[in-house]
Each structure stands twice: as C-alpha cells, then as structure tokens.
PDB file of all heavy atoms in Angstrom:
ATOM      1  N   TYR A   1      -2.116   1.800  13.031  1.00  0.00           N
ATOM      2  CA  TYR A   1      -3.440   1.905  12.557  1.00  0.00           C
ATOM      3  C   TYR A   1      -4.129   0.524  12.486  1.00  0.00           C
ATOM      4  O   TYR A   1      -5.192   0.339  12.057  1.00  0.00           O
ATOM      5  CB  TYR A   1      -3.444   2.456  11.176  1.00  0.00           C
ATOM      6  CG  TYR A   1      -3.073   3.954  11.086  1.00  0.00           C
ATOM      7  CD1 TYR A   1      -1.921   4.422  10.799  1.00  0.00           C
ATOM      8  CD2 TYR A   1      -4.171   4.916  11.358  1.00  0.00           C
ATOM      9  CE1 TYR A   1      -1.653   5.697  10.828  1.00  0.00           C
ATOM     10  CE2 TYR A   1      -3.916   6.304  11.274  1.00  0.00           C
ATOM     11  CZ  TYR A   1      -2.560   6.651  11.001  1.00  0.00           C
ATOM     12  OH  TYR A   1      -2.407   8.050  10.995  1.00  0.00           O
ATOM     13  N   ILE A   2      -3.388  -0.518  13.065  1.00  0.00           N
ATOM     14  CA  ILE A   2      -3.938  -1.842  12.978  1.00  0.00           C
ATOM     15  C   ILE A   2      -5.072  -1.896  13.903  1.00  0.00           C
ATOM     16  O   ILE A   2      -5.125  -1.379  15.073  1.00  0.00           O
ATOM     17  CB  ILE A   2      -2.852  -2.925  13.558  1.00  0.00           C
ATOM     18  CG1 ILE A   2      -1.682  -2.971  12.505  1.00  0.00           C
ATOM     19  CG2 ILE A   2      -3.490  -4.311  13.860  1.00  0.00           C
ATOM     20  CD1 ILE A   2      -0.551  -3.906  13.104  1.00  0.00           C
ATOM     21  N   ASP A   3      -6.176  -2.518  13.431  1.00  0.00           N
ATOM     22  CA  ASP A   3      -7.464  -2.513  14.235  1.00  0.00           C
ATOM     23  C   ASP A   3      -8.286  -3.781  13.957  1.00  0.00           C
ATOM     24  O   ASP A   3      -8.415  -4.188  12.746  1.00  0.00           O
ATOM     25  CB  ASP A   3      -8.236  -1.276  13.771  1.00  0.00           C
ATOM     26  CG  ASP A   3      -9.608  -1.207  14.557  1.00  0.00           C
ATOM     27  OD1 ASP A   3      -9.582  -0.728  15.886  1.00  0.00           O
ATOM     28  OD2 ASP A   3     -10.643  -1.596  14.079  1.00  0.00           O
ATOM     29  N   ARG A   4      -8.442  -4.600  14.979  1.00  0.00           N
ATOM     30  CA  ARG A   4      -9.195  -5.878  14.764  1.00  0.00           C
ATOM     31  C   ARG A   4      -8.388  -6.773  13.824  1.00  0.00           C
ATOM     32  O   ARG A   4      -8.992  -7.460  12.985  1.00  0.00           O
ATOM     33  CB  ARG A   4     -10.598  -5.757  14.383  1.00  0.00           C
ATOM     34  CG  ARG A   4     -11.505  -4.965  15.349  1.00  0.00           C
ATOM     35  CD  ARG A   4     -12.947  -4.732  14.976  1.00  0.00           C
ATOM     36  NE  ARG A   4     -13.578  -5.997  14.559  1.00  0.00           N
ATOM     37  CZ  ARG A   4     -14.794  -6.152  14.098  1.00  0.00           C
ATOM     38  NH1 ARG A   4     -15.424  -5.012  13.797  1.00  0.00           N
ATOM     39  NH2 ARG A   4     -15.373  -7.250  13.956  1.00  0.00           N
ATOM     40  N   GLY A   5      -7.100  -6.695  14.027  1.00  0.00           N
ATOM     41  CA  GLY A   5      -6.242  -7.513  13.177  1.00  0.00           C
ATOM     42  C   GLY A   5      -6.244  -7.215  11.715  1.00  0.00           C
ATOM     43  O   GLY A   5      -5.727  -7.990  10.951  1.00  0.00           O
ATOM     44  N   MET A   6      -6.416  -5.949  11.372  1.00  0.00           N
ATOM     45  CA  MET A   6      -6.465  -5.500  10.091  1.00  0.00           C
ATOM     46  C   MET A   6      -5.625  -4.231   9.854  1.00  0.00           C
ATOM     47  O   MET A   6      -5.679  -3.280  10.707  1.00  0.00           O
ATOM     48  CB  MET A   6      -7.896  -5.350   9.432  1.00  0.00           C
ATOM     49  CG  MET A   6      -8.656  -6.641   9.482  1.00  0.00           C
ATOM     50  SD  MET A   6     -10.412  -6.387   9.015  1.00  0.00           S
ATOM     51  CE  MET A   6     -10.259  -6.047   7.288  1.00  0.00           C
ATOM     52  N   LEU A   7      -4.977  -4.170   8.731  1.00  0.00           N
ATOM     53  CA  LEU A   7      -4.350  -2.755   8.252  1.00  0.00           C
ATOM     54  C   LEU A   7      -5.407  -1.968   7.480  1.00  0.00           C
ATOM     55  O   LEU A   7      -6.227  -2.626   6.852  1.00  0.00           O
ATOM     56  CB  LEU A   7      -3.176  -3.076   7.345  1.00  0.00           C
ATOM     57  CG  LEU A   7      -1.825  -2.631   7.985  1.00  0.00           C
ATOM     58  CD1 LEU A   7      -1.508  -3.439   9.250  1.00  0.00           C
ATOM     59  CD2 LEU A   7      -0.594  -2.923   6.912  1.00  0.00           C
ATOM     60  N   PRO A   8      -5.353  -0.743   7.533  1.00  0.00           N
ATOM     61  CA  PRO A   8      -6.251   0.109   6.666  1.00  0.00           C
ATOM     62  C   PRO A   8      -6.157  -0.189   5.230  1.00  0.00           C
ATOM     63  O   PRO A   8      -5.007  -0.511   4.720  1.00  0.00           O
ATOM     64  CB  PRO A   8      -5.902   1.544   6.870  1.00  0.00           C
ATOM     65  CG  PRO A   8      -5.065   1.489   8.136  1.00  0.00           C
ATOM     66  CD  PRO A   8      -4.460   0.092   8.274  1.00  0.00           C
ATOM     67  N   ASN A   9      -7.132  -0.185   4.463  1.00  0.00           N
ATOM     68  CA  ASN A   9      -7.094  -0.280   2.981  1.00  0.00           C
ATOM     69  C   ASN A   9      -6.729   0.915   2.406  1.00  0.00           C
ATOM     70  O   ASN A   9      -5.862   1.032   1.536  1.00  0.00           O
ATOM     71  CB  ASN A   9      -8.553  -0.756   2.492  1.00  0.00           C
ATOM     72  CG  ASN A   9      -8.591  -0.994   0.995  1.00  0.00           C
ATOM     73  OD1 ASN A   9      -7.534  -1.480   0.406  1.00  0.00           O
ATOM     74  ND2 ASN A   9      -9.549  -0.569   0.391  1.00  0.00           N
ATOM     75  N   VAL A  10      -7.336   2.037   2.851  1.00  0.00           N
ATOM     76  CA  VAL A  10      -7.135   3.418   2.274  1.00  0.00           C
ATOM     77  C   VAL A  10      -7.474   4.467   3.319  1.00  0.00           C
ATOM     78  O   VAL A  10      -8.327   4.454   4.086  1.00  0.00           O
ATOM     79  CB  VAL A  10      -8.082   3.607   0.934  1.00  0.00           C
ATOM     80  CG1 VAL A  10      -9.586   3.686   1.312  1.00  0.00           C
ATOM     81  CG2 VAL A  10      -7.744   4.922   0.281  1.00  0.00           C
ATOM     82  N   PHE A  11      -6.655   5.563   3.215  1.00  0.00           N
ATOM     83  CA  PHE A  11      -6.950   6.863   3.906  1.00  0.00           C
ATOM     84  C   PHE A  11      -7.661   7.690   2.919  1.00  0.00           C
ATOM     85  O   PHE A  11      -7.148   7.964   1.766  1.00  0.00           O
ATOM     86  CB  PHE A  11      -5.524   7.459   4.417  1.00  0.00           C
ATOM     87  CG  PHE A  11      -4.823   6.668   5.343  1.00  0.00           C
ATOM     88  CD1 PHE A  11      -3.983   5.703   5.112  1.00  0.00           C
ATOM     89  CD2 PHE A  11      -5.101   6.933   6.775  1.00  0.00           C
ATOM     90  CE1 PHE A  11      -3.327   4.904   6.042  1.00  0.00           C
ATOM     91  CE2 PHE A  11      -4.444   6.065   7.691  1.00  0.00           C
ATOM     92  CZ  PHE A  11      -3.500   5.128   7.415  1.00  0.00           C
ATOM     93  N   PRO A  12      -8.784   8.199   3.410  1.00  0.00           N
ATOM     94  CA  PRO A  12      -9.508   9.066   2.412  1.00  0.00           C
ATOM     95  C   PRO A  12      -8.853  10.391   2.224  1.00  0.00           C
ATOM     96  O   PRO A  12      -7.899  10.859   2.883  1.00  0.00           O
ATOM     97  CB  PRO A  12     -10.860   9.286   3.214  1.00  0.00           C
ATOM     98  CG  PRO A  12     -10.445   9.144   4.659  1.00  0.00           C
ATOM     99  CD  PRO A  12      -9.482   8.067   4.627  1.00  0.00           C
ATOM    100  N   ASP A  13      -9.221  10.998   1.024  1.00  0.00           N
ATOM    101  CA  ASP A  13      -8.525  12.267   0.697  1.00  0.00           C
ATOM    102  C   ASP A  13      -8.738  13.388   1.776  1.00  0.00           C
ATOM    103  O   ASP A  13      -7.828  14.230   1.884  1.00  0.00           O
ATOM    104  CB  ASP A  13      -9.201  12.749  -0.633  1.00  0.00           C
ATOM    105  CG  ASP A  13      -8.353  12.466  -1.912  1.00  0.00           C
ATOM    106  OD1 ASP A  13      -7.329  11.862  -1.712  1.00  0.00           O
ATOM    107  OD2 ASP A  13      -8.710  12.751  -3.008  1.00  0.00           O
ATOM    108  N   ARG A  14      -9.853  13.353   2.433  1.00  0.00           N
ATOM    109  CA  ARG A  14      -9.991  14.272   3.454  1.00  0.00           C
ATOM    110  C   ARG A  14     -10.503  13.508   4.787  1.00  0.00           C
ATOM    111  O   ARG A  14     -11.333  12.656   4.668  1.00  0.00           O
ATOM    112  CB  ARG A  14     -10.963  15.392   3.108  1.00  0.00           C
ATOM    113  CG  ARG A  14     -10.384  16.180   1.951  1.00  0.00           C
ATOM    114  CD  ARG A  14     -11.324  17.416   1.702  1.00  0.00           C
ATOM    115  NE  ARG A  14     -10.892  18.175   0.487  1.00  0.00           N
ATOM    116  CZ  ARG A  14      -9.993  19.073   0.552  1.00  0.00           C
ATOM    117  NH1 ARG A  14      -9.481  19.504   1.692  1.00  0.00           N
ATOM    118  NH2 ARG A  14      -9.557  19.673  -0.663  1.00  0.00           N
ATOM    119  N   GLY A  15      -9.895  13.867   5.954  1.00  0.00           N
ATOM    120  CA  GLY A  15     -10.364  13.163   7.088  1.00  0.00           C
ATOM    121  C   GLY A  15      -9.305  12.114   7.667  1.00  0.00           C
ATOM    122  O   GLY A  15      -8.457  11.740   6.813  1.00  0.00           O
ATOM    123  N   GLU A  16      -9.337  11.707   8.816  1.00  0.00           N
ATOM    124  CA  GLU A  16      -8.391  10.904   9.291  1.00  0.00           C
ATOM    125  C   GLU A  16      -8.822   9.374   9.486  1.00  0.00           C
ATOM    126  O   GLU A  16      -8.015   8.652   9.912  1.00  0.00           O
ATOM    127  CB  GLU A  16      -7.946  11.429  10.694  1.00  0.00           C
ATOM    128  CG  GLU A  16      -7.234  12.735  10.652  1.00  0.00           C
ATOM    129  CD  GLU A  16      -5.883  12.576   9.769  1.00  0.00           C
ATOM    130  OE1 GLU A  16      -5.244  11.539  10.043  1.00  0.00           O
ATOM    131  OE2 GLU A  16      -5.526  13.461   9.049  1.00  0.00           O
ATOM    132  N   THR A  17     -10.152   9.145   9.289  1.00  0.00           N
ATOM    133  CA  THR A  17     -10.650   7.784   9.625  1.00  0.00           C
ATOM    134  C   THR A  17     -10.403   6.849   8.369  1.00  0.00           C
ATOM    135  O   THR A  17     -10.911   7.035   7.286  1.00  0.00           O
ATOM    136  CB  THR A  17     -12.177   7.835   9.887  1.00  0.00           C
ATOM    137  OG1 THR A  17     -12.385   8.721  11.036  1.00  0.00           O
ATOM    138  CG2 THR A  17     -12.628   6.524  10.309  1.00  0.00           C
ATOM    139  N   PRO A  18      -9.563   5.911   8.556  1.00  0.00           N
ATOM    140  CA  PRO A  18      -9.283   5.057   7.279  1.00  0.00           C
ATOM    141  C   PRO A  18     -10.360   3.936   7.158  1.00  0.00           C
ATOM    142  O   PRO A  18     -11.079   3.762   8.139  1.00  0.00           O
ATOM    143  CB  PRO A  18      -7.943   4.412   7.738  1.00  0.00           C
ATOM    144  CG  PRO A  18      -7.849   4.406   9.295  1.00  0.00           C
ATOM    145  CD  PRO A  18      -8.665   5.607   9.597  1.00  0.00           C
ATOM    146  N   GLU A  19     -10.353   3.409   6.006  1.00  0.00           N
ATOM    147  CA  GLU A  19     -11.302   2.273   5.760  1.00  0.00           C
ATOM    148  C   GLU A  19     -10.536   1.003   5.738  1.00  0.00           C
ATOM    149  O   GLU A  19      -9.337   0.864   5.451  1.00  0.00           O
ATOM    150  CB  GLU A  19     -11.895   2.589   4.367  1.00  0.00           C
ATOM    151  CG  GLU A  19     -12.646   3.804   4.239  1.00  0.00           C
ATOM    152  CD  GLU A  19     -13.128   4.176   2.804  1.00  0.00           C
ATOM    153  OE1 GLU A  19     -13.050   3.295   1.982  1.00  0.00           O
ATOM    154  OE2 GLU A  19     -13.551   5.301   2.512  1.00  0.00           O
ATOM    155  N   TYR A  20     -11.159  -0.093   6.171  1.00  0.00           N
ATOM    156  CA  TYR A  20     -10.526  -1.357   6.471  1.00  0.00           C
ATOM    157  C   TYR A  20     -11.071  -2.407   5.537  1.00  0.00           C
ATOM    158  O   TYR A  20     -10.820  -3.647   5.878  1.00  0.00           O
ATOM    159  CB  TYR A  20     -10.737  -1.802   7.932  1.00  0.00           C
ATOM    160  CG  TYR A  20      -9.886  -0.989   8.834  1.00  0.00           C
ATOM    161  CD1 TYR A  20     -10.212   0.233   9.349  1.00  0.00           C
ATOM    162  CD2 TYR A  20      -8.599  -1.397   9.288  1.00  0.00           C
ATOM    163  CE1 TYR A  20      -9.387   1.057  10.212  1.00  0.00           C
ATOM    164  CE2 TYR A  20      -7.758  -0.678  10.078  1.00  0.00           C
ATOM    165  CZ  TYR A  20      -8.188   0.488  10.578  1.00  0.00           C
ATOM    166  OH  TYR A  20      -7.353   1.231  11.427  1.00  0.00           O
ATOM    167  N   ASN A  21     -11.622  -2.123   4.389  1.00  0.00           N
ATOM    168  CA  ASN A  21     -12.108  -3.151   3.606  1.00  0.00           C
ATOM    169  C   ASN A  21     -11.080  -3.775   2.725  1.00  0.00           C
ATOM    170  O   ASN A  21     -10.960  -3.523   1.467  1.00  0.00           O
ATOM    171  CB  ASN A  21     -13.252  -2.533   2.598  1.00  0.00           C
ATOM    172  CG  ASN A  21     -12.763  -1.417   1.832  1.00  0.00           C
ATOM    173  OD1 ASN A  21     -12.007  -0.438   2.258  1.00  0.00           O
ATOM    174  ND2 ASN A  21     -13.185  -1.340   0.529  1.00  0.00           N
ATOM    175  N   THR A  22     -10.240  -4.623   3.290  1.00  0.00           N
ATOM    176  CA  THR A  22      -9.273  -5.325   2.576  1.00  0.00           C
ATOM    177  C   THR A  22      -8.863  -6.622   3.449  1.00  0.00           C
ATOM    178  O   THR A  22      -8.641  -6.523   4.666  1.00  0.00           O
ATOM    179  CB  THR A  22      -7.925  -4.503   2.488  1.00  0.00           C
ATOM    180  OG1 THR A  22      -6.930  -5.316   1.915  1.00  0.00           O
ATOM    181  CG2 THR A  22      -7.432  -3.825   3.734  1.00  0.00           C
ATOM    182  N   VAL A  23      -8.667  -7.745   2.690  1.00  0.00           N
ATOM    183  CA  VAL A  23      -8.288  -8.889   3.364  1.00  0.00           C
ATOM    184  C   VAL A  23      -6.734  -9.085   3.185  1.00  0.00           C
ATOM    185  O   VAL A  23      -6.115  -9.908   4.026  1.00  0.00           O
ATOM    186  CB  VAL A  23      -9.149 -10.106   2.788  1.00  0.00           C
ATOM    187  CG1 VAL A  23      -8.846 -10.368   1.258  1.00  0.00           C
ATOM    188  CG2 VAL A  23      -8.821 -11.356   3.564  1.00  0.00           C
ATOM    189  N   ASP A  24      -6.170  -8.610   2.075  1.00  0.00           N
ATOM    190  CA  ASP A  24      -4.899  -8.918   1.995  1.00  0.00           C
ATOM    191  C   ASP A  24      -3.810  -7.855   2.313  1.00  0.00           C
ATOM    192  O   ASP A  24      -2.649  -8.270   2.479  1.00  0.00           O
ATOM    193  CB  ASP A  24      -4.631  -9.250   0.367  1.00  0.00           C
ATOM    194  CG  ASP A  24      -5.082  -8.032  -0.441  1.00  0.00           C
ATOM    195  OD1 ASP A  24      -5.932  -7.321  -0.056  1.00  0.00           O
ATOM    196  OD2 ASP A  24      -4.703  -8.032  -1.762  1.00  0.00           O
ATOM    197  N   ALA A  25      -4.131  -6.695   2.607  1.00  0.00           N
ATOM    198  CA  ALA A  25      -3.164  -5.671   3.005  1.00  0.00           C
ATOM    199  C   ALA A  25      -2.439  -6.021   4.203  1.00  0.00           C
ATOM    200  O   ALA A  25      -1.231  -5.966   4.352  1.00  0.00           O
ATOM    201  CB  ALA A  25      -3.834  -4.287   3.206  1.00  0.00           C
ATOM    202  N   THR A  26      -3.160  -6.711   5.186  1.00  0.00           N
ATOM    203  CA  THR A  26      -2.515  -7.121   6.435  1.00  0.00           C
ATOM    204  C   THR A  26      -1.468  -8.170   6.165  1.00  0.00           C
ATOM    205  O   THR A  26      -0.375  -8.283   6.861  1.00  0.00           O
ATOM    206  CB  THR A  26      -3.500  -7.474   7.482  1.00  0.00           C
ATOM    207  OG1 THR A  26      -4.686  -6.587   7.434  1.00  0.00           O
ATOM    208  CG2 THR A  26      -2.952  -7.725   8.908  1.00  0.00           C
ATOM    209  N   LEU A  27      -1.866  -9.168   5.283  1.00  0.00           N
ATOM    210  CA  LEU A  27      -0.868 -10.218   5.003  1.00  0.00           C
ATOM    211  C   LEU A  27       0.195  -9.901   4.232  1.00  0.00           C
ATOM    212  O   LEU A  27       1.432 -10.359   4.473  1.00  0.00           O
ATOM    213  CB  LEU A  27      -1.746 -11.360   4.221  1.00  0.00           C
ATOM    214  CG  LEU A  27      -2.928 -11.800   4.912  1.00  0.00           C
ATOM    215  CD1 LEU A  27      -3.747 -12.892   4.094  1.00  0.00           C
ATOM    216  CD2 LEU A  27      -2.554 -12.501   6.373  1.00  0.00           C
ATOM    217  N   TRP A  28       0.149  -8.718   3.387  1.00  0.00           N
ATOM    218  CA  TRP A  28       1.363  -8.256   2.686  1.00  0.00           C
ATOM    219  C   TRP A  28       2.206  -7.549   3.764  1.00  0.00           C
ATOM    220  O   TRP A  28       3.524  -7.403   3.512  1.00  0.00           O
ATOM    221  CB  TRP A  28       0.881  -7.192   1.685  1.00  0.00           C
ATOM    222  CG  TRP A  28       0.528  -7.832   0.331  1.00  0.00           C
ATOM    223  CD1 TRP A  28      -0.750  -7.802  -0.188  1.00  0.00           C
ATOM    224  CD2 TRP A  28       1.341  -8.593  -0.531  1.00  0.00           C
ATOM    225  NE1 TRP A  28      -0.796  -8.636  -1.390  1.00  0.00           N
ATOM    226  CE2 TRP A  28       0.423  -9.014  -1.665  1.00  0.00           C
ATOM    227  CE3 TRP A  28       2.666  -8.891  -0.573  1.00  0.00           C
ATOM    228  CZ2 TRP A  28       1.009  -9.806  -2.763  1.00  0.00           C
ATOM    229  CZ3 TRP A  28       3.136  -9.653  -1.642  1.00  0.00           C
ATOM    230  CH2 TRP A  28       2.274 -10.073  -2.720  1.00  0.00           C
ATOM    231  N   TYR A  29       1.614  -7.154   4.841  1.00  0.00           N
ATOM    232  CA  TYR A  29       2.481  -6.436   5.897  1.00  0.00           C
ATOM    233  C   TYR A  29       3.529  -7.511   6.420  1.00  0.00           C
ATOM    234  O   TYR A  29       4.609  -7.120   6.710  1.00  0.00           O
ATOM    235  CB  TYR A  29       1.561  -6.010   6.997  1.00  0.00           C
ATOM    236  CG  TYR A  29       2.142  -5.197   8.137  1.00  0.00           C
ATOM    237  CD1 TYR A  29       2.893  -4.008   7.869  1.00  0.00           C
ATOM    238  CD2 TYR A  29       1.954  -5.422   9.485  1.00  0.00           C
ATOM    239  CE1 TYR A  29       3.334  -3.286   8.852  1.00  0.00           C
ATOM    240  CE2 TYR A  29       2.512  -4.648  10.482  1.00  0.00           C
ATOM    241  CZ  TYR A  29       3.140  -3.614  10.169  1.00  0.00           C
ATOM    242  OH  TYR A  29       3.695  -2.826  11.300  1.00  0.00           O
TER     243      TYR A  29
END
C-alpha cells in the first residue's frame, strides 16, 4: 500500500481506498 513514499494512515470502515494523511506512519515502518 506504499504510495508516493507514504504508508496509509487509516483504512476506512467500508471500502478499500486508504487515506494517507500521516507523516510519521511511514517512518515508524
């Protein structure tokens, strides 16, 4: 799910499109 150098912030309760509004999730990876 890495996209433009970012991990998803959250997967919504319904649907498959994740949101990427996080600066630190990728660095914790």
